[in-house]
Amino acid sequence: MTKNILTIKNLKHTYSNGQYETTVLNGVNATFESGKIYAIIGESGSGKTTLISLLSALDRVQSGDIKYNDKSIRKIGESKFRLDYVDIVFQAYNLIKYMTARENVEVALDLAGVKDGKKIAYEVLEKVGISKAKADRLVQKLSGGEQQRVAIARAMTSNNPIVIADEPTGNLDQKTALKILDLFRQLADDGKIVIIVTHSQQVARRTKAIIKRMSGGKLK
């Protein structure tokens, strides 16, 4: 099976407030392969959030490049890359608040061209611990941990080859968190590139992730 590869080449990124310029990423290089889980670990302010914003094309590359199978995401197009290549599990969930949990997942299935999305949405939500009764509630009526599970379920239903998760177990109890991490492991086993940003060594150990540490604006 051909490996899909996401590569970062000499990525640099700075922020300016008009007076001062702060370098957040300073020549980041990395390779991520399909079928594997990566845990990006680092202190607060180390550049993890900036890095995943660039990897998911939410922010534009200033210097250096990000490539998927040797094709720059600039050439793919940032909006196309976000839609067709990457699924993001945000800390803030980014769910459609006026929809139910099931409808949020069904939207992703519709975009992937999957038929009978309603049935599949219920099944996937059940896997992440959301019952059918809760699946039919508006997401804003669910707890923070439940909303996070809906966001993960949505990513699981997509055909996109890359999954990026920002502290995916942060609002979950330990039992649920361990189940969710096993699901991420399953996504990698299904051939996806899975990148988890976390401060937790336990998360990295549970998923048998390849650890990459952010420090000094570099990924080591």
C-alpha atoms as a PDB file:
ATOM      1  CA  MET A   1       0.000   0.000   0.000  1.00  0.00           C
ATOM      2  CA  THR A   2       1.316   3.431  -0.972  1.00  0.00           C
ATOM      3  CA  LYS A   3       2.068   5.685   1.984  1.00  0.00           C
ATOM      4  CA  ASN A   4       0.534   9.133   2.002  1.00  0.00           C
ATOM      5  CA  ILE A   5       3.006  11.635   3.386  1.00  0.00           C
ATOM      6  CA  LEU A   6       2.588  15.108   4.867  1.00  0.00           C
ATOM      7  CA  THR A   7       5.819  17.065   5.048  1.00  0.00           C
ATOM      8  CA  ILE A   8       6.868  20.363   6.611  1.00  0.00           C
ATOM      9  CA  LYS A   9       9.837  22.124   5.043  1.00  0.00           C
ATOM     10  CA  ASN A  10      11.694  24.880   6.927  1.00  0.00           C
ATOM     11  CA  LEU A  11       8.470  26.405   8.254  1.00  0.00           C
ATOM     12  CA  LYS A  12       8.835  29.832   9.843  1.00  0.00           C
ATOM     13  CA  HIS A  13       6.131  32.022  11.322  1.00  0.00           C
ATOM     14  CA  THR A  14       6.137  35.358  13.125  1.00  0.00           C
ATOM     15  CA  TYR A  15       3.554  37.592  14.733  1.00  0.00           C
ATOM     16  CA  SER A  16       3.793  41.374  14.850  1.00  0.00           C
ATOM     17  CA  ASN A  17       1.908  43.895  16.981  1.00  0.00           C
ATOM     18  CA  GLY A  18       3.180  46.869  15.014  1.00  0.00           C
ATOM     19  CA  GLN A  19       6.133  47.490  17.292  1.00  0.00           C
ATOM     20  CA  TYR A  20       7.563  44.082  18.056  1.00  0.00           C
ATOM     21  CA  GLU A  21       7.902  40.898  16.059  1.00  0.00           C
ATOM     22  CA  THR A  22       7.798  37.508  17.760  1.00  0.00           C
ATOM     23  CA  THR A  23       9.111  34.371  16.050  1.00  0.00           C
ATOM     24  CA  VAL A  24       6.879  31.423  16.935  1.00  0.00           C
ATOM     25  CA  LEU A  25       8.140  28.839  14.454  1.00  0.00           C
ATOM     26  CA  ASN A  26      11.796  28.929  13.501  1.00  0.00           C
ATOM     27  CA  GLY A  27      12.624  26.449  10.771  1.00  0.00           C
ATOM     28  CA  VAL A  28      10.296  23.517  11.529  1.00  0.00           C
ATOM     29  CA  ASN A  29      10.880  20.320   9.552  1.00  0.00           C
ATOM     30  CA  ALA A  30       8.877  17.117   9.951  1.00  0.00           C
ATOM     31  CA  THR A  31       7.388  14.164   8.109  1.00  0.00           C
ATOM     32  CA  PHE A  32       4.079  12.463   8.916  1.00  0.00           C
ATOM     33  CA  GLU A  33       3.091   9.146   7.325  1.00  0.00           C
ATOM     34  CA  SER A  34      -0.295   7.506   6.888  1.00  0.00           C
ATOM     35  CA  GLY A  35      -1.079   4.686   9.273  1.00  0.00           C
ATOM     36  CA  LYS A  36       0.698   6.368  12.171  1.00  0.00           C
ATOM     37  CA  ILE A  37      -0.221   8.558  15.140  1.00  0.00           C
ATOM     38  CA  TYR A  38       1.940  11.505  16.128  1.00  0.00           C
ATOM     39  CA  ALA A  39       1.780  13.374  19.416  1.00  0.00           C
ATOM     40  CA  ILE A  40       3.047  16.950  19.362  1.00  0.00           C
ATOM     41  CA  ILE A  41       3.994  17.905  22.904  1.00  0.00           C
ATOM     42  CA  GLY A  42       5.215  21.232  24.256  1.00  0.00           C
ATOM     43  CA  GLU A  43       4.753  23.909  26.851  1.00  0.00           C
ATOM     44  CA  SER A  44       2.076  26.578  26.492  1.00  0.00           C
ATOM     45  CA  GLY A  45       3.333  29.209  24.049  1.00  0.00           C
ATOM     46  CA  SER A  46       5.759  26.821  22.355  1.00  0.00           C
ATOM     47  CA  GLY A  47       4.034  27.191  18.957  1.00  0.00           C
ATOM     48  CA  LYS A  48       1.829  24.067  18.914  1.00  0.00           C
ATOM     49  CA  THR A  49      -1.368  25.983  18.127  1.00  0.00           C
ATOM     50  CA  THR A  50       0.301  27.967  15.353  1.00  0.00           C
ATOM     51  CA  LEU A  51       1.682  24.773  13.857  1.00  0.00           C
ATOM     52  CA  ILE A  52      -1.674  22.998  13.679  1.00  0.00           C
ATOM     53  CA  SER A  53      -3.307  26.131  12.266  1.00  0.00           C
ATOM     54  CA  LEU A  54      -0.807  25.986   9.426  1.00  0.00           C
ATOM     55  CA  LEU A  55      -1.072  22.204   8.999  1.00  0.00           C
ATOM     56  CA  SER A  56      -4.840  22.496   8.669  1.00  0.00           C
ATOM     57  CA  ALA A  57      -4.603  25.541   6.348  1.00  0.00           C
ATOM     58  CA  LEU A  58      -6.487  27.760   8.784  1.00  0.00           C
ATOM     59  CA  ASP A  59      -3.545  30.143   8.623  1.00  0.00           C
ATOM     60  CA  ARG A  60      -1.394  30.918   5.612  1.00  0.00           C
ATOM     61  CA  VAL A  61       2.234  29.815   5.388  1.00  0.00           C
ATOM     62  CA  GLN A  62       4.592  32.790   5.598  1.00  0.00           C
ATOM     63  CA  SER A  63       7.905  31.061   4.917  1.00  0.00           C
ATOM     64  CA  GLY A  64       8.763  27.485   4.055  1.00  0.00           C
ATOM     65  CA  ASP A  65       6.203  24.980   2.794  1.00  0.00           C
ATOM     66  CA  ILE A  66       3.765  22.241   3.723  1.00  0.00           C
ATOM     67  CA  LYS A  67       3.284  19.458   1.192  1.00  0.00           C
ATOM     68  CA  TYR A  68       0.963  16.501   0.860  1.00  0.00           C
ATOM     69  CA  ASN A  69       2.433  13.781  -1.351  1.00  0.00           C
ATOM     70  CA  ASP A  70       4.985  16.317  -2.657  1.00  0.00           C
ATOM     71  CA  LYS A  71       2.320  18.838  -3.665  1.00  0.00           C
ATOM     72  CA  SER A  72       2.310  22.163  -1.843  1.00  0.00           C
ATOM     73  CA  ILE A  73      -0.935  23.055  -0.095  1.00  0.00           C
ATOM     74  CA  ARG A  74      -0.565  26.431  -1.837  1.00  0.00           C
ATOM     75  CA  LYS A  75      -1.042  24.632  -5.158  1.00  0.00           C
ATOM     76  CA  ILE A  76      -3.807  22.429  -3.779  1.00  0.00           C
ATOM     77  CA  GLY A  77      -5.480  25.591  -2.451  1.00  0.00           C
ATOM     78  CA  GLU A  78      -6.035  26.301   1.244  1.00  0.00           C
ATOM     79  CA  SER A  79      -9.844  26.062   1.122  1.00  0.00           C
ATOM     80  CA  LYS A  80      -9.746  22.808  -0.874  1.00  0.00           C
ATOM     81  CA  PHE A  81      -7.148  21.375   1.501  1.00  0.00           C
ATOM     82  CA  ARG A  82      -9.310  22.194   4.533  1.00  0.00           C
ATOM     83  CA  LEU A  83     -12.376  20.630   2.907  1.00  0.00           C
ATOM     84  CA  ASP A  84     -10.968  17.564   1.160  1.00  0.00           C
ATOM     85  CA  TYR A  85      -7.758  16.631   2.959  1.00  0.00           C
ATOM     86  CA  VAL A  86      -7.952  17.389   6.667  1.00  0.00           C
ATOM     87  CA  ASP A  87     -10.402  16.945   9.536  1.00  0.00           C
ATOM     88  CA  ILE A  88      -9.841  19.014  12.652  1.00  0.00           C
ATOM     89  CA  VAL A  89     -11.028  18.206  16.146  1.00  0.00           C
ATOM     90  CA  PHE A  90     -10.865  21.567  17.904  1.00  0.00           C
ATOM     91  CA  GLN A  91     -10.802  22.223  21.628  1.00  0.00           C
ATOM     92  CA  ALA A  92     -13.716  24.574  20.893  1.00  0.00           C
ATOM     93  CA  TYR A  93     -15.496  21.760  18.941  1.00  0.00           C
ATOM     94  CA  ASN A  94     -16.685  24.051  16.063  1.00  0.00           C
ATOM     95  CA  LEU A  95     -20.006  22.269  15.789  1.00  0.00           C
ATOM     96  CA  ILE A  96     -23.075  23.753  14.086  1.00  0.00           C
ATOM     97  CA  LYS A  97     -25.037  24.872  17.140  1.00  0.00           C
ATOM     98  CA  TYR A  98     -28.508  24.912  15.599  1.00  0.00           C
ATOM     99  CA  MET A  99     -28.159  21.254  14.537  1.00  0.00           C
ATOM    100  CA  THR A 100     -28.446  18.069  16.551  1.00  0.00           C
ATOM    101  CA  ALA A 101     -25.434  15.892  17.253  1.00  0.00           C
ATOM    102  CA  ARG A 102     -26.566  13.446  14.582  1.00  0.00           C
ATOM    103  CA  GLU A 103     -27.085  16.209  12.017  1.00  0.00           C
ATOM    104  CA  ASN A 104     -23.559  17.527  12.653  1.00  0.00           C
ATOM    105  CA  VAL A 105     -22.139  14.113  11.821  1.00  0.00           C
ATOM    106  CA  GLU A 106     -24.526  13.629   8.908  1.00  0.00           C
ATOM    107  CA  VAL A 107     -23.266  16.834   7.274  1.00  0.00           C
ATOM    108  CA  ALA A 108     -19.772  15.321   7.099  1.00  0.00           C
ATOM    109  CA  LEU A 109     -21.208  12.136   5.608  1.00  0.00           C
ATOM    110  CA  ASP A 110     -23.121  14.120   2.988  1.00  0.00           C
ATOM    111  CA  LEU A 111     -19.926  15.944   2.001  1.00  0.00           C
ATOM    112  CA  ALA A 112     -18.198  12.566   1.661  1.00  0.00           C
ATOM    113  CA  GLY A 113     -20.997  11.372  -0.639  1.00  0.00           C
ATOM    114  CA  VAL A 114     -22.156   8.666   1.769  1.00  0.00           C
ATOM    115  CA  LYS A 115     -25.711   7.397   1.410  1.00  0.00           C
ATOM    116  CA  ASP A 116     -27.901   6.478   4.387  1.00  0.00           C
ATOM    117  CA  GLY A 117     -25.978   9.018   6.454  1.00  0.00           C
ATOM    118  CA  LYS A 118     -28.565   9.128   9.236  1.00  0.00           C
ATOM    119  CA  LYS A 119     -28.095   5.478  10.162  1.00  0.00           C
ATOM    120  CA  ILE A 120     -24.311   5.664   9.984  1.00  0.00           C
ATOM    121  CA  ALA A 121     -24.266   8.863  12.060  1.00  0.00           C
ATOM    122  CA  TYR A 122     -26.165   7.134  14.861  1.00  0.00           C
ATOM    123  CA  GLU A 123     -23.764   4.163  14.724  1.00  0.00           C
ATOM    124  CA  VAL A 124     -20.631   6.313  14.875  1.00  0.00           C
ATOM    125  CA  LEU A 125     -22.019   8.446  17.695  1.00  0.00           C
ATOM    126  CA  GLU A 126     -22.795   5.264  19.621  1.00  0.00           C
ATOM    127  CA  LYS A 127     -19.138   4.260  19.243  1.00  0.00           C
ATOM    128  CA  VAL A 128     -18.004   7.450  20.985  1.00  0.00           C
ATOM    129  CA  GLY A 129     -20.550   7.072  23.757  1.00  0.00           C
ATOM    130  CA  ILE A 130     -23.406   9.256  22.498  1.00  0.00           C
ATOM    131  CA  SER A 131     -26.749   7.444  22.810  1.00  0.00           C
ATOM    132  CA  LYS A 132     -29.493   7.797  20.206  1.00  0.00           C
ATOM    133  CA  ALA A 133     -31.488  10.001  22.597  1.00  0.00           C
ATOM    134  CA  LYS A 134     -28.560  12.392  22.993  1.00  0.00           C
ATOM    135  CA  ALA A 135     -27.764  12.206  19.281  1.00  0.00           C
ATOM    136  CA  ASP A 136     -31.145  13.827  18.620  1.00  0.00           C
ATOM    137  CA  ARG A 137     -30.465  16.770  20.936  1.00  0.00           C
ATOM    138  CA  LEU A 138     -29.141  20.124  19.795  1.00  0.00           C
ATOM    139  CA  VAL A 139     -25.395  20.096  20.385  1.00  0.00           C
ATOM    140  CA  GLN A 140     -25.622  23.218  22.541  1.00  0.00           C
ATOM    141  CA  LYS A 141     -27.753  21.166  24.954  1.00  0.00           C
ATOM    142  CA  LEU A 142     -24.922  18.661  25.432  1.00  0.00           C
ATOM    143  CA  SER A 143     -22.071  18.923  27.920  1.00  0.00           C
ATOM    144  CA  GLY A 144     -18.609  20.013  26.839  1.00  0.00           C
ATOM    145  CA  GLY A 145     -17.308  16.454  26.914  1.00  0.00           C
ATOM    146  CA  GLU A 146     -20.263  15.229  24.870  1.00  0.00           C
ATOM    147  CA  GLN A 147     -19.737  17.956  22.282  1.00  0.00           C
ATOM    148  CA  GLN A 148     -16.112  16.909  22.020  1.00  0.00           C
ATOM    149  CA  ARG A 149     -17.201  13.342  21.302  1.00  0.00           C
ATOM    150  CA  VAL A 150     -19.536  14.592  18.566  1.00  0.00           C
ATOM    151  CA  ALA A 151     -16.609  16.475  16.983  1.00  0.00           C
ATOM    152  CA  ILE A 152     -14.526  13.294  17.050  1.00  0.00           C
ATOM    153  CA  ALA A 153     -17.378  11.268  15.560  1.00  0.00           C
ATOM    154  CA  ARG A 154     -17.645  13.803  12.745  1.00  0.00           C
ATOM    155  CA  ALA A 155     -13.950  13.381  11.954  1.00  0.00           C
ATOM    156  CA  MET A 156     -14.309   9.597  12.008  1.00  0.00           C
ATOM    157  CA  THR A 157     -16.958   9.640   9.261  1.00  0.00           C
ATOM    158  CA  SER A 158     -14.886  11.615   6.774  1.00  0.00           C
ATOM    159  CA  ASN A 159     -12.829  10.225   3.912  1.00  0.00           C
ATOM    160  CA  ASN A 160     -10.170  12.898   4.431  1.00  0.00           C
ATOM    161  CA  PRO A 161      -6.689  11.392   4.852  1.00  0.00           C
ATOM    162  CA  ILE A 162      -5.491  13.617   7.715  1.00  0.00           C
ATOM    163  CA  VAL A 163      -6.927  14.041  11.209  1.00  0.00           C
ATOM    164  CA  ILE A 164      -5.586  16.784  13.482  1.00  0.00           C
ATOM    165  CA  ALA A 165      -6.817  16.901  17.076  1.00  0.00           C
ATOM    166  CA  ASP A 166      -6.138  19.674  19.574  1.00  0.00           C
ATOM    167  CA  GLU A 167      -6.215  18.273  23.142  1.00  0.00           C
ATOM    168  CA  PRO A 168      -8.967  15.801  22.155  1.00  0.00           C
ATOM    169  CA  THR A 169      -9.384  14.342  25.645  1.00  0.00           C
ATOM    170  CA  GLY A 170      -9.182  17.579  27.605  1.00  0.00           C
ATOM    171  CA  ASN A 171     -12.860  17.662  28.644  1.00  0.00           C
ATOM    172  CA  LEU A 172     -13.416  13.943  29.054  1.00  0.00           C
ATOM    173  CA  ASP A 173     -13.388  11.674  32.069  1.00  0.00           C
ATOM    174  CA  GLN A 174     -10.619   9.077  32.119  1.00  0.00           C
ATOM    175  CA  LYS A 175     -12.758   6.141  31.007  1.00  0.00           C
ATOM    176  CA  THR A 176     -14.204   8.005  28.019  1.00  0.00           C
ATOM    177  CA  ALA A 177     -10.807   9.505  27.188  1.00  0.00           C
ATOM    178  CA  LEU A 178      -9.235   6.062  26.912  1.00  0.00           C
ATOM    179  CA  LYS A 179     -12.031   4.920  24.580  1.00  0.00           C
ATOM    180  CA  ILE A 180     -11.566   7.985  22.390  1.00  0.00           C
ATOM    181  CA  LEU A 181      -7.807   7.427  22.177  1.00  0.00           C
ATOM    182  CA  ASP A 182      -8.448   3.868  21.024  1.00  0.00           C
ATOM    183  CA  LEU A 183     -10.655   5.321  18.266  1.00  0.00           C
ATOM    184  CA  PHE A 184      -7.821   7.576  17.138  1.00  0.00           C
ATOM    185  CA  ARG A 185      -5.591   4.509  17.060  1.00  0.00           C
ATOM    186  CA  GLN A 186      -8.226   2.854  14.861  1.00  0.00           C
ATOM    187  CA  LEU A 187      -8.233   5.833  12.472  1.00  0.00           C
ATOM    188  CA  ALA A 188      -4.481   5.433  12.042  1.00  0.00           C
ATOM    189  CA  ASP A 189      -4.864   1.684  11.538  1.00  0.00           C
ATOM    190  CA  ASP A 190      -7.392   2.515   8.799  1.00  0.00           C
ATOM    191  CA  GLY A 191      -4.627   4.400   6.981  1.00  0.00           C
ATOM    192  CA  LYS A 192      -5.024   8.016   8.104  1.00  0.00           C
ATOM    193  CA  ILE A 193      -2.354  10.416   9.263  1.00  0.00           C
ATOM    194  CA  VAL A 194      -3.347  11.251  12.838  1.00  0.00           C
ATOM    195  CA  ILE A 195      -1.723  14.205  14.608  1.00  0.00           C
ATOM    196  CA  ILE A 196      -2.664  14.873  18.230  1.00  0.00           C
ATOM    197  CA  VAL A 197      -1.548  18.026  19.991  1.00  0.00           C
ATOM    198  CA  THR A 198      -1.408  17.377  23.705  1.00  0.00           C
ATOM    199  CA  HIS A 199       0.422  18.182  26.926  1.00  0.00           C
ATOM    200  CA  SER A 200      -0.240  14.663  28.225  1.00  0.00           C
ATOM    201  CA  GLN A 201       2.393  11.941  28.103  1.00  0.00           C
ATOM    202  CA  GLN A 202      -0.397   9.462  28.914  1.00  0.00           C
ATOM    203  CA  VAL A 203      -2.150  10.316  25.657  1.00  0.00           C
ATOM    204  CA  ALA A 204       1.055   9.643  23.730  1.00  0.00           C
ATOM    205  CA  ARG A 205       1.643   6.323  25.507  1.00  0.00           C
ATOM    206  CA  ARG A 206      -1.953   5.133  25.144  1.00  0.00           C
ATOM    207  CA  THR A 207      -1.988   5.673  21.387  1.00  0.00           C
ATOM    208  CA  LYS A 208       1.592   4.419  20.930  1.00  0.00           C
ATOM    209  CA  ALA A 209       2.238   7.722  19.213  1.00  0.00           C
ATOM    210  CA  ILE A 210       5.468   8.925  17.707  1.00  0.00           C
ATOM    211  CA  ILE A 211       6.337  11.879  19.929  1.00  0.00           C
ATOM    212  CA  LYS A 212       7.481  15.175  18.451  1.00  0.00           C
ATOM    213  CA  ARG A 213       8.321  17.929  20.925  1.00  0.00           C
ATOM    214  CA  MET A 214       7.896  21.653  20.272  1.00  0.00           C
ATOM    215  CA  SER A 215      10.689  23.706  21.815  1.00  0.00           C
ATOM    216  CA  GLY A 216      12.381  26.937  20.816  1.00  0.00           C
ATOM    217  CA  GLY A 217      10.218  27.262  17.729  1.00  0.00           C
ATOM    218  CA  LYS A 218      11.371  23.883  16.409  1.00  0.00           C
ATOM    219  CA  LEU A 219       9.920  20.375  16.317  1.00  0.00           C
ATOM    220  CA  LYS A 220      12.290  17.713  17.667  1.00  0.00           C
END
